[in-house]
Structures are given as C-alpha cells and as structure tokens.
Amino acid sequence: MRVLLAEDEKRMAAALVALLKQEKYDVDHMEDGASALAALESGIYDIAVLDVMMPEMNGFEVARRARRKGIKIPILMLTAKSQLDDKVTGLDSGADDYLTKPFQTEELLARLRALGRRSESFRDGSAHYGDLVLDTAAAVLTCETTGQSVRLGEKELRILEYMIGNQGQIMTREQLAVKIWGYENEAEYNNVEVYMSFTRKKLTFVGSKVEIKAVRGLGYELREKDV
C-alpha cells in the first residue's frame, strides 16, 4: 500500500517515514502543500497523511482541492491543534480522520489500517475483480471460474493490486512506474512492459475472463473480456 506523507517538520517526517517503511508501507514524503497536491493528482496513492501547518498550502486546503479534483483516497490529517473547530474544519475539508500531535505510533498505525480497510475493492485481505480473487497477503491469484491458482512475484502482485484498486481507469506507464518502483527509482518504462507481460501470462495461466488491455498511446486497462 502506497502512502503519501506531507509533513514539513524534518525530524517528525523522518521518524514517520521510518515507521511506515518498517510496517511495509511504501512511502513518499512531501514537505509542502503544493507538492503534496501535485503528488495526489498522480493517482498512485492509497492513503494520504497530511500535516495541517505546511508552507505554500495548508493541509485543509490540500484536502479541499483534492476532493474537488475527484481524488477519493482516505485522508488522515495530522496537527498540533486540538480545538474542536479545527477538527471540524479538517473533516469538512474532506479528511476522513484526524490525529492530534503528539500521538502514539500505535494509534497512528491503527488509524491507517482502518482507513486502508475502507477501499471498496478490498475485503478480508483480498482484492476482487471479475472472476479474479487476489490474496494480497499470500500473493496468490485465483480464478473463480476455473478454480486455478498461481503464486505471483512482488511486482506482479503490486501491478494487479493497483489496477484492481483503480478498476475502470486507464493506468499510464508513468503512473505504473511510479506506483510500483517509486519516485526515487530510475526504473525505465520498458520495465513496466516486461512485468505487464509476466502478469498477463499469470492471468492466462489461471484461465481468467479478465485481461490487461493496452490502450494505444495511453497505457493499460484492466477489464473483462468481451464474450
């Protein structure tokens, strides 16, 4: 699961990035609100954690603009403010939850787990699309039509997890590269094509009615085959 962390206090940010990576989250860190909003517009994140007091644009405004742009991922707001009015402002801006500093790391992780469970495509540790069931914990793909299963490699798992979570949308090569390899990785677009080929072979192996369709000049779309 990929998390966007927007926090301008360097020591706090470093501690949170280390904590989230230890818990197996993929994390990208932004230091100001404008950068955070631009990152959210990429569509690669599952959860956003926004500090309220940031330069250029505060967390309230980032959340408000993100919602106006149709960005629906869960947003957790972090702030040193504890007044009721500030909490109401955060929630009215589009945040799903609110955590006041200082906080216990266990509470932050519990809030993130709860927000992660809100994704409609994922339930009980599995992702579902068409006749596919993706066990994200065991990295196993099962076709309900044939009963056939196959184990996935890490990149194949993350490709399917991302595409199922964004079903109905065309994923660009850039989005996939950043989502799977991260902003700081120099993975080339041909890596996307290679691992997309591997993933397609797994879909064929289990006999699924779901396919990954290349959309010329745009990217890839997960869809059910025409009958």
Protein backbone atom coordinates (compact mmCIF):
# COMPACT_ATOMS: atom_id res chain seq x y z
CA MET A 1 0.00 0.00 0.00
CA ARG A 2 1.45 3.39 -1.00
CA VAL A 3 1.15 6.32 1.40
CA LEU A 4 1.74 10.00 0.71
CA LEU A 5 3.13 11.76 3.78
CA ALA A 6 3.04 15.58 3.71
CA GLU A 7 4.96 16.93 6.71
CA ASP A 8 7.35 19.90 6.77
CA GLU A 9 8.99 19.21 10.15
CA LYS A 10 12.08 17.24 9.15
CA ARG A 11 12.60 15.17 12.33
CA MET A 12 8.93 14.22 12.53
CA ALA A 13 8.86 13.33 8.84
CA ALA A 14 11.99 11.18 9.07
CA ALA A 15 10.56 9.29 12.07
CA LEU A 16 7.22 8.70 10.34
CA VAL A 17 8.82 7.55 7.09
CA ALA A 18 10.99 5.06 9.01
CA LEU A 19 7.97 3.80 10.98
CA LEU A 20 5.77 3.32 7.92
CA LYS A 21 8.50 1.58 5.94
CA GLN A 22 9.06 -0.74 8.90
CA GLU A 23 5.36 -1.60 8.71
CA LYS A 24 5.78 -2.45 4.99
CA TYR A 25 4.10 0.67 3.61
CA ASP A 26 5.55 2.32 0.53
CA VAL A 27 6.01 5.98 1.45
CA ASP A 28 6.65 9.17 -0.49
CA HIS A 29 7.36 12.32 1.53
CA MET A 30 6.50 15.88 0.51
CA GLU A 31 7.50 18.97 2.52
CA ASP A 32 4.84 21.46 1.39
CA GLY A 33 1.19 21.53 0.46
CA ALA A 34 1.61 22.38 -3.21
CA SER A 35 3.91 19.40 -3.76
CA ALA A 36 1.53 17.17 -1.83
CA LEU A 37 -1.42 18.16 -4.02
CA ALA A 38 0.60 17.63 -7.19
CA ALA A 39 1.60 14.17 -5.94
CA LEU A 40 -2.01 13.28 -5.13
CA GLU A 41 -3.01 14.20 -8.66
CA SER A 42 -0.80 11.37 -9.94
CA GLY A 43 -3.42 8.90 -8.70
CA ILE A 44 -0.86 6.43 -7.35
CA TYR A 45 -1.62 6.65 -3.62
CA ASP A 46 -3.87 4.54 -1.42
CA ILE A 47 -3.81 6.85 1.64
CA ALA A 48 -2.66 10.42 2.30
CA VAL A 49 -1.34 11.65 5.65
CA LEU A 50 -1.40 15.46 5.68
CA ASP A 51 0.02 17.83 8.27
CA VAL A 52 -2.17 20.90 8.66
CA MET A 53 0.54 23.56 9.08
CA MET A 54 2.63 23.40 5.91
CA PRO A 55 4.20 26.07 3.69
CA GLU A 56 2.61 27.15 0.40
CA MET A 57 -0.71 25.41 1.14
CA ASN A 58 -2.03 24.05 4.42
CA GLY A 59 -3.41 20.56 4.84
CA PHE A 60 -7.01 21.77 4.93
CA GLU A 61 -6.64 23.36 1.51
CA VAL A 62 -4.81 20.33 0.09
CA ALA A 63 -7.68 18.09 1.18
CA ARG A 64 -10.30 20.52 -0.11
CA ARG A 65 -8.67 20.82 -3.55
CA ALA A 66 -8.03 17.08 -3.76
CA ARG A 67 -11.71 16.34 -3.21
CA ARG A 68 -12.71 18.93 -5.81
CA LYS A 69 -10.48 17.14 -8.29
CA GLY A 70 -12.26 13.85 -7.60
CA ILE A 71 -9.44 12.28 -5.55
CA LYS A 72 -11.24 9.82 -3.30
CA ILE A 73 -8.48 8.11 -1.30
CA PRO A 74 -8.69 8.22 2.50
CA ILE A 75 -7.03 11.28 4.08
CA LEU A 76 -5.68 11.37 7.64
CA MET A 77 -4.99 14.87 8.97
CA LEU A 78 -2.15 15.47 11.45
CA THR A 79 -1.99 18.66 13.51
CA ALA A 80 -0.78 20.13 16.76
CA LYS A 81 -4.14 21.84 17.12
CA SER A 82 -6.74 20.09 19.26
CA GLN A 83 -9.61 22.59 19.29
CA LEU A 84 -12.97 21.28 18.14
CA ASP A 85 -13.26 23.94 15.43
CA ASP A 86 -10.00 22.75 13.84
CA LYS A 87 -11.19 19.16 13.81
CA VAL A 88 -14.47 20.19 12.22
CA THR A 89 -12.60 22.24 9.61
CA GLY A 90 -10.43 19.25 8.75
CA LEU A 91 -13.34 16.89 8.34
CA ASP A 92 -15.34 19.45 6.38
CA SER A 93 -12.35 19.91 4.08
CA GLY A 94 -12.58 16.26 3.08
CA ALA A 95 -10.39 14.46 5.61
CA ASP A 96 -11.59 11.04 6.76
CA ASP A 97 -9.85 11.08 10.13
CA TYR A 98 -7.96 13.44 12.41
CA LEU A 99 -5.00 12.80 14.74
CA THR A 100 -3.64 15.40 17.15
CA LYS A 101 0.07 15.68 17.90
CA PRO A 102 1.69 14.33 19.96
CA PHE A 103 0.31 10.86 19.29
CA GLN A 104 1.30 7.28 19.95
CA THR A 105 2.67 5.40 16.96
CA GLU A 106 0.31 2.50 17.71
CA GLU A 107 -2.67 4.82 17.31
CA LEU A 108 -1.38 6.19 14.00
CA LEU A 109 -0.89 2.69 12.63
CA ALA A 110 -4.34 1.63 13.83
CA ARG A 111 -5.90 4.64 12.10
CA LEU A 112 -4.05 3.81 8.87
CA ARG A 113 -5.17 0.18 9.00
CA ALA A 114 -8.77 1.30 9.47
CA LEU A 115 -8.55 3.73 6.55
CA GLY A 116 -6.96 1.07 4.38
CA ARG A 117 -9.89 -1.25 5.01
CA ARG A 118 -12.28 1.31 3.53
CA SER A 119 -11.25 0.57 -0.03
CA GLU A 120 -14.30 -0.91 -1.74
CA SER A 121 -12.29 -3.28 -3.91
CA PHE A 122 -10.51 -4.93 -0.99
CA ARG A 123 -12.06 -7.01 1.74
CA ASP A 124 -10.71 -9.61 4.15
CA GLY A 125 -7.19 -9.21 2.78
CA SER A 126 -8.35 -9.95 -0.77
CA ALA A 127 -8.94 -7.88 -3.88
CA HIS A 128 -11.77 -8.84 -6.22
CA TYR A 129 -12.44 -8.07 -9.86
CA GLY A 130 -14.47 -10.11 -12.33
CA ASP A 131 -13.68 -13.76 -11.68
CA LEU A 132 -10.36 -12.90 -10.01
CA VAL A 133 -9.55 -13.11 -6.32
CA LEU A 134 -6.19 -11.65 -5.32
CA ASP A 135 -4.92 -12.77 -1.91
CA THR A 136 -2.65 -9.83 -1.12
CA ALA A 137 -1.12 -11.43 1.98
CA ALA A 138 -0.18 -14.73 0.34
CA ALA A 139 0.48 -13.20 -3.12
CA VAL A 140 -1.82 -15.77 -4.74
CA LEU A 141 -4.13 -15.13 -7.69
CA THR A 142 -7.20 -17.36 -8.06
CA CYS A 143 -9.73 -17.58 -10.87
CA GLU A 144 -13.21 -18.40 -9.55
CA THR A 145 -14.31 -19.65 -12.98
CA THR A 146 -11.66 -22.37 -13.25
CA GLY A 147 -10.57 -22.78 -9.64
CA GLN A 148 -6.96 -22.42 -10.80
CA SER A 149 -4.44 -20.52 -8.65
CA VAL A 150 -0.94 -19.20 -9.15
CA ARG A 151 1.62 -17.50 -6.94
CA LEU A 152 2.69 -14.01 -8.00
CA GLY A 153 6.02 -12.26 -7.88
CA GLU A 154 6.23 -8.98 -5.95
CA LYS A 155 5.87 -6.71 -8.98
CA GLU A 156 3.04 -8.79 -10.45
CA LEU A 157 1.20 -8.60 -7.13
CA ARG A 158 1.57 -4.84 -6.93
CA ILE A 159 0.51 -4.33 -10.53
CA LEU A 160 -2.72 -6.28 -10.01
CA GLU A 161 -3.35 -4.72 -6.60
CA TYR A 162 -3.03 -1.25 -8.11
CA MET A 163 -5.10 -1.97 -11.20
CA ILE A 164 -7.91 -3.67 -9.27
CA GLY A 165 -7.97 -0.75 -6.85
CA ASN A 166 -8.36 1.59 -9.83
CA GLN A 167 -10.61 -0.56 -11.99
CA GLY A 168 -12.34 1.25 -14.81
CA GLN A 169 -9.43 3.65 -15.24
CA ILE A 170 -6.60 3.64 -17.76
CA MET A 171 -3.25 3.47 -15.97
CA THR A 172 -0.41 5.27 -17.76
CA ARG A 173 3.08 3.78 -17.91
CA GLU A 174 4.29 6.67 -15.77
CA GLN A 175 1.69 6.01 -13.08
CA LEU A 176 2.59 2.33 -13.01
CA ALA A 177 6.33 3.02 -12.92
CA VAL A 178 5.98 5.43 -10.01
CA LYS A 179 3.48 3.26 -8.15
CA ILE A 180 5.49 0.04 -8.44
CA TRP A 181 9.05 1.35 -8.32
CA GLY A 182 8.62 4.70 -6.55
CA TYR A 183 9.53 8.31 -7.30
CA GLU A 184 13.23 7.95 -6.50
CA ASN A 185 13.74 4.80 -8.53
CA GLU A 186 15.13 5.14 -12.05
CA ALA A 187 13.10 2.28 -13.47
CA GLU A 188 12.52 2.66 -17.19
CA TYR A 189 9.16 2.29 -18.88
CA ASN A 190 10.28 -0.96 -20.53
CA ASN A 191 10.31 -2.46 -17.01
CA VAL A 192 6.58 -1.80 -16.90
CA GLU A 193 6.09 -3.60 -20.20
CA VAL A 194 8.19 -6.58 -19.08
CA TYR A 195 6.31 -7.07 -15.82
CA MET A 196 2.98 -6.39 -17.52
CA SER A 197 3.80 -9.30 -19.86
CA PHE A 198 4.56 -11.53 -16.87
CA THR A 199 1.28 -10.53 -15.23
CA ARG A 200 -0.72 -11.24 -18.38
CA LYS A 201 0.78 -14.72 -18.52
CA LYS A 202 -0.45 -15.37 -14.97
CA LEU A 203 -3.97 -14.30 -15.97
CA THR A 204 -3.82 -16.68 -18.93
CA PHE A 205 -2.48 -19.49 -16.76
CA VAL A 206 -5.42 -19.34 -14.32
CA GLY A 207 -7.91 -19.11 -17.23
CA SER A 208 -9.46 -15.82 -16.15
CA LYS A 209 -12.01 -13.86 -18.17
CA VAL A 210 -10.14 -10.72 -17.08
CA GLU A 211 -7.42 -9.23 -19.27
CA ILE A 212 -4.98 -6.33 -19.21
CA LYS A 213 -5.67 -4.38 -22.36
CA ALA A 214 -3.13 -1.98 -23.86
CA VAL A 215 -4.79 1.32 -24.78
CA ARG A 216 -2.78 2.79 -27.64
CA GLY A 217 -0.95 5.96 -26.67
CA LEU A 218 -2.37 5.97 -23.14
CA GLY A 219 -1.46 2.94 -21.07
CA TYR A 220 -3.21 -0.14 -19.70
CA GLU A 221 -6.71 -1.01 -18.55
CA LEU A 222 -7.95 -3.98 -16.55
CA ARG A 223 -11.21 -5.27 -18.00
CA GLU A 224 -13.33 -8.35 -18.56
CA LYS A 225 -13.00 -9.92 -21.98
CA ASP A 226 -15.81 -9.43 -24.48
CA VAL A 227 -17.91 -12.57 -24.69
